[in-house]
Amino acid sequence: MFTGIIEELGAVEALERRGAGARLRVRSTGVLADAAEGASIAVNGVCLTAVDLRPDGFAADLAPETLKRTNLGDLRQGSKVNLERPVRAGGRLDGHVVQGHVDATGSLVSLAALGDGNWWLRVRVPADVERYLVFKGSFAIDGISLTVAGLNGGLLEAAIIPHTYENTSLGTYRPGCRVNIECDILAKYVEKLLGASREKRGLTMEHLQGSDIQVGR
């Protein structure tokens, strides 16, 4: 589990395409302080398994599903990436619960300066993702924990404070680029529970009486 609080801004050293997937190599130092072979590291909000650890970076294998559902396949040598280690049991949850399981990618519409280092982010999101987003709710873009400040017609808006802008990859983005979106897992559980509840309530006396089943009187 992650929190969406970015620890380090890494850089892509290489993205090697393979038959069915790819291997990503990232230059970094901070997130490797206590890492071991096989450790989990979130790269742009995607939970990856770190292998081939070196003093100045690590590698991770990308499955076809990862390339299909995230923006990691768009990375190029020198691309900046957001890095975070998993939260330790008993540690502080400064952001929100982030699984590192990206739901879909959105398209950056704009990142407008508001003054004093603040910015206004606007992202176009798919309809099947929008239903999990609510005003003032939590979500993650490229692993960054953010709060929904506006939501209208598939357009997601969020305020970006100076610290977030300066310490994440947001400043490198341009309109049209793809960003990874992870919705709050609590919204998905609520949807499933409500759906199950509706199914149970669907079996009523009226339904039985309208069927071929004979109901005793």
C-alpha atoms as a PDB file:
ATOM      1  CA  MET A   1       0.000   0.000   0.000  1.00  0.00           C
ATOM      2  CA  PHE A   2       1.141   3.551  -0.769  1.00  0.00           C
ATOM      3  CA  THR A   3      -0.021   7.007   0.322  1.00  0.00           C
ATOM      4  CA  GLY A   4       0.398   9.176  -2.777  1.00  0.00           C
ATOM      5  CA  ILE A   5       3.114  11.286  -1.115  1.00  0.00           C
ATOM      6  CA  ILE A   6       5.976  11.287  -3.625  1.00  0.00           C
ATOM      7  CA  GLU A   7       9.393  10.607  -2.059  1.00  0.00           C
ATOM      8  CA  GLU A   8      11.674  11.143  -5.008  1.00  0.00           C
ATOM      9  CA  LEU A   9      11.637  12.342  -8.594  1.00  0.00           C
ATOM     10  CA  GLY A  10      13.470   9.724 -10.637  1.00  0.00           C
ATOM     11  CA  ALA A  11      14.494   9.686 -14.300  1.00  0.00           C
ATOM     12  CA  VAL A  12      14.050   6.984 -16.918  1.00  0.00           C
ATOM     13  CA  GLU A  13      17.348   5.531 -18.021  1.00  0.00           C
ATOM     14  CA  ALA A  14      15.862   3.147 -20.578  1.00  0.00           C
ATOM     15  CA  LEU A  15      12.651   1.412 -21.663  1.00  0.00           C
ATOM     16  CA  GLU A  16      13.507  -1.832 -23.398  1.00  0.00           C
ATOM     17  CA  ARG A  17      10.656  -3.354 -25.387  1.00  0.00           C
ATOM     18  CA  ARG A  18      10.425  -7.135 -25.345  1.00  0.00           C
ATOM     19  CA  GLY A  19       8.208  -9.726 -26.986  1.00  0.00           C
ATOM     20  CA  ALA A  20       5.186  -9.340 -24.725  1.00  0.00           C
ATOM     21  CA  GLY A  21       6.254  -6.658 -22.275  1.00  0.00           C
ATOM     22  CA  ALA A  22       9.126  -4.361 -21.449  1.00  0.00           C
ATOM     23  CA  ARG A  23      11.856  -3.662 -18.917  1.00  0.00           C
ATOM     24  CA  LEU A  24      12.044  -0.212 -17.384  1.00  0.00           C
ATOM     25  CA  ARG A  25      15.237   1.127 -15.805  1.00  0.00           C
ATOM     26  CA  VAL A  26      15.004   4.140 -13.495  1.00  0.00           C
ATOM     27  CA  ARG A  27      17.777   6.302 -12.043  1.00  0.00           C
ATOM     28  CA  SER A  28      17.159   7.014  -8.360  1.00  0.00           C
ATOM     29  CA  THR A  29      18.802   6.912  -4.940  1.00  0.00           C
ATOM     30  CA  GLY A  30      16.377   7.857  -2.162  1.00  0.00           C
ATOM     31  CA  VAL A  31      13.831   5.049  -2.552  1.00  0.00           C
ATOM     32  CA  LEU A  32      16.643   2.492  -2.626  1.00  0.00           C
ATOM     33  CA  ALA A  33      17.914   3.338   0.880  1.00  0.00           C
ATOM     34  CA  ASP A  34      16.353   0.210   2.419  1.00  0.00           C
ATOM     35  CA  ALA A  35      15.334  -1.667  -0.733  1.00  0.00           C
ATOM     36  CA  ALA A  36      16.099  -5.314  -1.453  1.00  0.00           C
ATOM     37  CA  GLU A  37      15.689  -7.401  -4.583  1.00  0.00           C
ATOM     38  CA  GLY A  38      11.957  -7.887  -5.163  1.00  0.00           C
ATOM     39  CA  ALA A  39      10.873  -4.814  -3.196  1.00  0.00           C
ATOM     40  CA  SER A  40       7.791  -2.889  -4.309  1.00  0.00           C
ATOM     41  CA  ILE A  41       8.240   0.648  -5.627  1.00  0.00           C
ATOM     42  CA  ALA A  42       5.493   2.799  -7.133  1.00  0.00           C
ATOM     43  CA  VAL A  43       6.554   4.408 -10.421  1.00  0.00           C
ATOM     44  CA  ASN A  44       4.058   7.052 -11.577  1.00  0.00           C
ATOM     45  CA  GLY A  45       1.555   5.384  -9.280  1.00  0.00           C
ATOM     46  CA  VAL A  46       2.121   1.868 -10.641  1.00  0.00           C
ATOM     47  CA  CYS A  47       3.247  -0.741  -8.115  1.00  0.00           C
ATOM     48  CA  LEU A  48       6.302  -2.461  -9.639  1.00  0.00           C
ATOM     49  CA  THR A  49       8.770  -5.073  -8.426  1.00  0.00           C
ATOM     50  CA  ALA A  50      12.306  -3.714  -8.273  1.00  0.00           C
ATOM     51  CA  VAL A  51      15.041  -5.960  -9.673  1.00  0.00           C
ATOM     52  CA  ASP A  52      18.677  -5.543 -10.661  1.00  0.00           C
ATOM     53  CA  LEU A  53      19.266  -2.988  -7.927  1.00  0.00           C
ATOM     54  CA  ARG A  54      22.295  -0.728  -8.314  1.00  0.00           C
ATOM     55  CA  PRO A  55      23.579   2.195  -6.229  1.00  0.00           C
ATOM     56  CA  ASP A  56      22.070   4.654  -8.717  1.00  0.00           C
ATOM     57  CA  GLY A  57      18.871   2.933  -9.786  1.00  0.00           C
ATOM     58  CA  PHE A  58      16.782  -0.142 -10.369  1.00  0.00           C
ATOM     59  CA  ALA A  59      14.900  -2.024 -13.075  1.00  0.00           C
ATOM     60  CA  ALA A  60      11.328  -3.353 -13.237  1.00  0.00           C
ATOM     61  CA  ASP A  61       9.564  -5.642 -15.681  1.00  0.00           C
ATOM     62  CA  LEU A  62       6.325  -4.357 -17.217  1.00  0.00           C
ATOM     63  CA  ALA A  63       3.632  -6.888 -18.103  1.00  0.00           C
ATOM     64  CA  PRO A  64       1.443  -6.415 -21.204  1.00  0.00           C
ATOM     65  CA  GLU A  65      -1.467  -5.451 -18.910  1.00  0.00           C
ATOM     66  CA  THR A  66       0.660  -2.743 -17.311  1.00  0.00           C
ATOM     67  CA  LEU A  67       1.617  -1.308 -20.686  1.00  0.00           C
ATOM     68  CA  LYS A  68      -2.021  -1.382 -21.802  1.00  0.00           C
ATOM     69  CA  ARG A  69      -3.573   0.237 -18.730  1.00  0.00           C
ATOM     70  CA  THR A  70      -0.926   2.817 -17.749  1.00  0.00           C
ATOM     71  CA  ASN A  71       1.274   5.491 -19.303  1.00  0.00           C
ATOM     72  CA  LEU A  72       4.545   3.698 -18.564  1.00  0.00           C
ATOM     73  CA  GLY A  73       4.835   2.650 -22.185  1.00  0.00           C
ATOM     74  CA  ASP A  74       4.911   6.345 -23.155  1.00  0.00           C
ATOM     75  CA  LEU A  75       8.084   6.992 -21.165  1.00  0.00           C
ATOM     76  CA  ARG A  76      11.304   7.916 -22.902  1.00  0.00           C
ATOM     77  CA  GLN A  77      14.908   8.222 -21.808  1.00  0.00           C
ATOM     78  CA  GLY A  78      15.122  11.186 -19.456  1.00  0.00           C
ATOM     79  CA  SER A  79      11.395  11.212 -18.577  1.00  0.00           C
ATOM     80  CA  LYS A  80      10.768  12.230 -14.977  1.00  0.00           C
ATOM     81  CA  VAL A  81       8.833   9.712 -12.867  1.00  0.00           C
ATOM     82  CA  ASN A  82       7.271   9.904  -9.411  1.00  0.00           C
ATOM     83  CA  LEU A  83       8.652   7.340  -6.951  1.00  0.00           C
ATOM     84  CA  GLU A  84       7.288   6.105  -3.622  1.00  0.00           C
ATOM     85  CA  ARG A  85       8.055   3.176  -1.346  1.00  0.00           C
ATOM     86  CA  PRO A  86       5.219   1.229   0.345  1.00  0.00           C
ATOM     87  CA  VAL A  87       4.051   2.612   3.664  1.00  0.00           C
ATOM     88  CA  ARG A  88       5.292   0.698   6.700  1.00  0.00           C
ATOM     89  CA  ALA A  89       2.799  -0.844   9.121  1.00  0.00           C
ATOM     90  CA  GLY A  90       2.286   1.686  11.885  1.00  0.00           C
ATOM     91  CA  GLY A  91       3.591   4.526   9.733  1.00  0.00           C
ATOM     92  CA  ARG A  92       1.754   7.766   9.042  1.00  0.00           C
ATOM     93  CA  LEU A  93      -0.824   7.865   6.259  1.00  0.00           C
ATOM     94  CA  ASP A  94      -0.182  11.421   5.085  1.00  0.00           C
ATOM     95  CA  GLY A  95      -2.065  11.143   1.770  1.00  0.00           C
ATOM     96  CA  HIS A  96      -4.754   8.514   1.228  1.00  0.00           C
ATOM     97  CA  VAL A  97      -4.844   4.768   0.562  1.00  0.00           C
ATOM     98  CA  VAL A  98      -3.197   4.184  -2.816  1.00  0.00           C
ATOM     99  CA  GLN A  99      -2.853   0.599  -4.004  1.00  0.00           C
ATOM    100  CA  GLY A 100      -0.630   1.215  -6.987  1.00  0.00           C
ATOM    101  CA  HIS A 101      -3.278  -0.386  -9.220  1.00  0.00           C
ATOM    102  CA  VAL A 102      -4.071   2.107 -11.963  1.00  0.00           C
ATOM    103  CA  ASP A 103      -7.699   2.156 -13.135  1.00  0.00           C
ATOM    104  CA  ALA A 104      -7.184   3.974 -16.435  1.00  0.00           C
ATOM    105  CA  THR A 105      -5.345   6.828 -18.081  1.00  0.00           C
ATOM    106  CA  GLY A 106      -6.713  10.323 -18.540  1.00  0.00           C
ATOM    107  CA  SER A 107      -5.643  13.107 -20.885  1.00  0.00           C
ATOM    108  CA  LEU A 108      -4.145  16.315 -19.543  1.00  0.00           C
ATOM    109  CA  VAL A 109      -6.215  19.285 -20.704  1.00  0.00           C
ATOM    110  CA  SER A 110      -4.314  22.090 -19.002  1.00  0.00           C
ATOM    111  CA  LEU A 111      -2.110  23.066 -16.087  1.00  0.00           C
ATOM    112  CA  ALA A 112      -2.642  26.777 -15.530  1.00  0.00           C
ATOM    113  CA  ALA A 113      -0.638  29.031 -13.205  1.00  0.00           C
ATOM    114  CA  LEU A 114      -2.707  30.725 -10.481  1.00  0.00           C
ATOM    115  CA  GLY A 115       0.103  32.764  -8.974  1.00  0.00           C
ATOM    116  CA  ASP A 116       2.432  32.347  -5.995  1.00  0.00           C
ATOM    117  CA  GLY A 117       3.471  28.905  -7.260  1.00  0.00           C
ATOM    118  CA  ASN A 118      -0.064  27.477  -7.288  1.00  0.00           C
ATOM    119  CA  TRP A 119      -1.560  25.714 -10.307  1.00  0.00           C
ATOM    120  CA  TRP A 120      -4.934  24.487 -11.565  1.00  0.00           C
ATOM    121  CA  LEU A 121      -4.931  21.017 -13.129  1.00  0.00           C
ATOM    122  CA  ARG A 122      -7.618  19.829 -15.559  1.00  0.00           C
ATOM    123  CA  VAL A 123      -7.731  16.233 -16.820  1.00  0.00           C
ATOM    124  CA  ARG A 124     -10.222  14.465 -19.094  1.00  0.00           C
ATOM    125  CA  VAL A 125     -11.178  11.120 -17.526  1.00  0.00           C
ATOM    126  CA  PRO A 126     -13.053   8.088 -18.932  1.00  0.00           C
ATOM    127  CA  ALA A 127     -16.710   7.650 -17.955  1.00  0.00           C
ATOM    128  CA  ASP A 128     -16.062   4.339 -16.179  1.00  0.00           C
ATOM    129  CA  VAL A 129     -13.625   6.153 -13.887  1.00  0.00           C
ATOM    130  CA  GLU A 130     -15.640   9.323 -13.327  1.00  0.00           C
ATOM    131  CA  ARG A 131     -18.336   7.447 -11.402  1.00  0.00           C
ATOM    132  CA  TYR A 132     -15.848   6.773  -8.601  1.00  0.00           C
ATOM    133  CA  LEU A 133     -14.905  10.439  -8.224  1.00  0.00           C
ATOM    134  CA  VAL A 134     -16.725  12.862  -5.925  1.00  0.00           C
ATOM    135  CA  PHE A 135     -16.217  16.513  -5.042  1.00  0.00           C
ATOM    136  CA  LYS A 136     -13.554  16.809  -2.315  1.00  0.00           C
ATOM    137  CA  GLY A 137     -12.823  13.092  -2.602  1.00  0.00           C
ATOM    138  CA  SER A 138      -9.358  11.584  -2.996  1.00  0.00           C
ATOM    139  CA  PHE A 139      -7.717  10.249  -6.135  1.00  0.00           C
ATOM    140  CA  ALA A 140      -4.194   9.805  -7.489  1.00  0.00           C
ATOM    141  CA  ILE A 141      -2.657  11.095 -10.712  1.00  0.00           C
ATOM    142  CA  ASP A 142       0.662   9.452 -11.578  1.00  0.00           C
ATOM    143  CA  GLY A 143       0.871   8.376  -7.951  1.00  0.00           C
ATOM    144  CA  ILE A 144       0.256  11.866  -6.522  1.00  0.00           C
ATOM    145  CA  SER A 145      -2.459  12.064  -3.873  1.00  0.00           C
ATOM    146  CA  LEU A 146      -4.847  14.866  -4.854  1.00  0.00           C
ATOM    147  CA  THR A 147      -8.296  16.161  -3.930  1.00  0.00           C
ATOM    148  CA  VAL A 148     -11.130  16.596  -6.420  1.00  0.00           C
ATOM    149  CA  ALA A 149     -11.781  20.337  -6.691  1.00  0.00           C
ATOM    150  CA  GLY A 150     -14.116  20.149  -9.672  1.00  0.00           C
ATOM    151  CA  LEU A 151     -15.878  17.464 -11.719  1.00  0.00           C
ATOM    152  CA  ASN A 152     -18.084  18.195 -14.679  1.00  0.00           C
ATOM    153  CA  GLY A 153     -18.784  16.234 -17.835  1.00  0.00           C
ATOM    154  CA  GLY A 154     -15.721  14.033 -17.571  1.00  0.00           C
ATOM    155  CA  LEU A 155     -13.420  16.937 -16.738  1.00  0.00           C
ATOM    156  CA  LEU A 156     -11.562  16.455 -13.453  1.00  0.00           C
ATOM    157  CA  GLU A 157     -10.002  19.479 -11.744  1.00  0.00           C
ATOM    158  CA  ALA A 158      -7.545  19.764  -8.865  1.00  0.00           C
ATOM    159  CA  ALA A 159      -5.525  22.473  -7.166  1.00  0.00           C
ATOM    160  CA  ILE A 160      -1.758  21.968  -7.130  1.00  0.00           C
ATOM    161  CA  ILE A 161       0.224  23.608  -4.334  1.00  0.00           C
ATOM    162  CA  PRO A 162       3.828  24.810  -4.843  1.00  0.00           C
ATOM    163  CA  HIS A 163       5.400  21.863  -2.969  1.00  0.00           C
ATOM    164  CA  THR A 164       3.587  19.317  -5.138  1.00  0.00           C
ATOM    165  CA  TYR A 165       4.472  21.106  -8.356  1.00  0.00           C
ATOM    166  CA  GLU A 166       8.147  21.425  -7.411  1.00  0.00           C
ATOM    167  CA  ASN A 167       8.621  17.853  -6.160  1.00  0.00           C
ATOM    168  CA  THR A 168       6.716  15.796  -8.736  1.00  0.00           C
ATOM    169  CA  SER A 169       6.700  15.301 -12.496  1.00  0.00           C
ATOM    170  CA  LEU A 170       3.711  17.619 -13.062  1.00  0.00           C
ATOM    171  CA  GLY A 171       5.876  20.468 -14.297  1.00  0.00           C
ATOM    172  CA  THR A 172       7.081  18.373 -17.243  1.00  0.00           C
ATOM    173  CA  TYR A 173       3.603  17.628 -18.618  1.00  0.00           C
ATOM    174  CA  ARG A 174       2.050  19.097 -21.729  1.00  0.00           C
ATOM    175  CA  PRO A 175      -1.601  19.134 -22.929  1.00  0.00           C
ATOM    176  CA  GLY A 176      -2.615  15.815 -24.435  1.00  0.00           C
ATOM    177  CA  CYS A 177      -0.193  13.650 -22.472  1.00  0.00           C
ATOM    178  CA  ARG A 178      -1.582  10.597 -20.701  1.00  0.00           C
ATOM    179  CA  VAL A 179      -1.647  10.401 -16.916  1.00  0.00           C
ATOM    180  CA  ASN A 180      -2.353   7.419 -14.682  1.00  0.00           C
ATOM    181  CA  ILE A 181      -5.523   7.623 -12.604  1.00  0.00           C
ATOM    182  CA  GLU A 182      -6.294   5.567  -9.525  1.00  0.00           C
ATOM    183  CA  CYS A 183      -9.633   6.106  -7.811  1.00  0.00           C
ATOM    184  CA  ASP A 184     -10.284   5.698  -4.110  1.00  0.00           C
ATOM    185  CA  ILE A 185     -10.704   1.951  -3.421  1.00  0.00           C
ATOM    186  CA  LEU A 186     -13.469   2.745  -0.895  1.00  0.00           C
ATOM    187  CA  ALA A 187     -15.731   3.957  -3.717  1.00  0.00           C
ATOM    188  CA  LYS A 188     -15.401   0.603  -5.487  1.00  0.00           C
ATOM    189  CA  TYR A 189     -16.310  -1.350  -2.364  1.00  0.00           C
ATOM    190  CA  VAL A 190     -19.341   0.857  -1.769  1.00  0.00           C
ATOM    191  CA  GLU A 191     -20.515   0.338  -5.347  1.00  0.00           C
ATOM    192  CA  LYS A 192     -20.228  -3.450  -5.053  1.00  0.00           C
ATOM    193  CA  LEU A 193     -21.979  -3.568  -1.671  1.00  0.00           C
ATOM    194  CA  LEU A 194     -24.840  -1.404  -2.912  1.00  0.00           C
ATOM    195  CA  GLY A 195     -25.164  -3.558  -6.019  1.00  0.00           C
ATOM    196  CA  ALA A 196     -25.374  -6.729  -3.937  1.00  0.00           C
ATOM    197  CA  SER A 197     -27.960  -5.083  -1.705  1.00  0.00           C
ATOM    198  CA  ARG A 198     -30.099  -4.140  -4.695  1.00  0.00           C
ATOM    199  CA  GLU A 199     -29.938  -7.701  -6.024  1.00  0.00           C
ATOM    200  CA  LYS A 200     -31.178  -9.080  -2.716  1.00  0.00           C
ATOM    201  CA  ARG A 201     -34.015  -6.561  -2.560  1.00  0.00           C
ATOM    202  CA  GLY A 202     -34.973  -7.494  -6.116  1.00  0.00           C
ATOM    203  CA  LEU A 203     -36.507 -10.825  -4.965  1.00  0.00           C
ATOM    204  CA  THR A 204     -39.903  -9.591  -3.734  1.00  0.00           C
ATOM    205  CA  MET A 205     -43.373 -11.080  -3.417  1.00  0.00           C
ATOM    206  CA  GLU A 206     -44.412  -9.072  -6.479  1.00  0.00           C
ATOM    207  CA  HIS A 207     -41.674 -10.696  -8.543  1.00  0.00           C
ATOM    208  CA  LEU A 208     -42.628 -14.161  -7.296  1.00  0.00           C
ATOM    209  CA  GLN A 209     -46.308 -13.582  -8.018  1.00  0.00           C
ATOM    210  CA  GLY A 210     -45.478 -12.465 -11.521  1.00  0.00           C
ATOM    211  CA  SER A 211     -43.427 -15.590 -12.211  1.00  0.00           C
ATOM    212  CA  ASP A 212     -44.354 -19.232 -12.738  1.00  0.00           C
ATOM    213  CA  ILE A 213     -43.638 -19.989  -9.065  1.00  0.00           C
ATOM    214  CA  GLN A 214     -46.802 -20.644  -7.079  1.00  0.00           C
ATOM    215  CA  VAL A 215     -46.902 -18.642  -3.874  1.00  0.00           C
ATOM    216  CA  GLY A 216     -48.923 -20.111  -1.046  1.00  0.00           C
ATOM    217  CA  ARG A 217     -51.845 -18.133   0.282  1.00  0.00           C
END
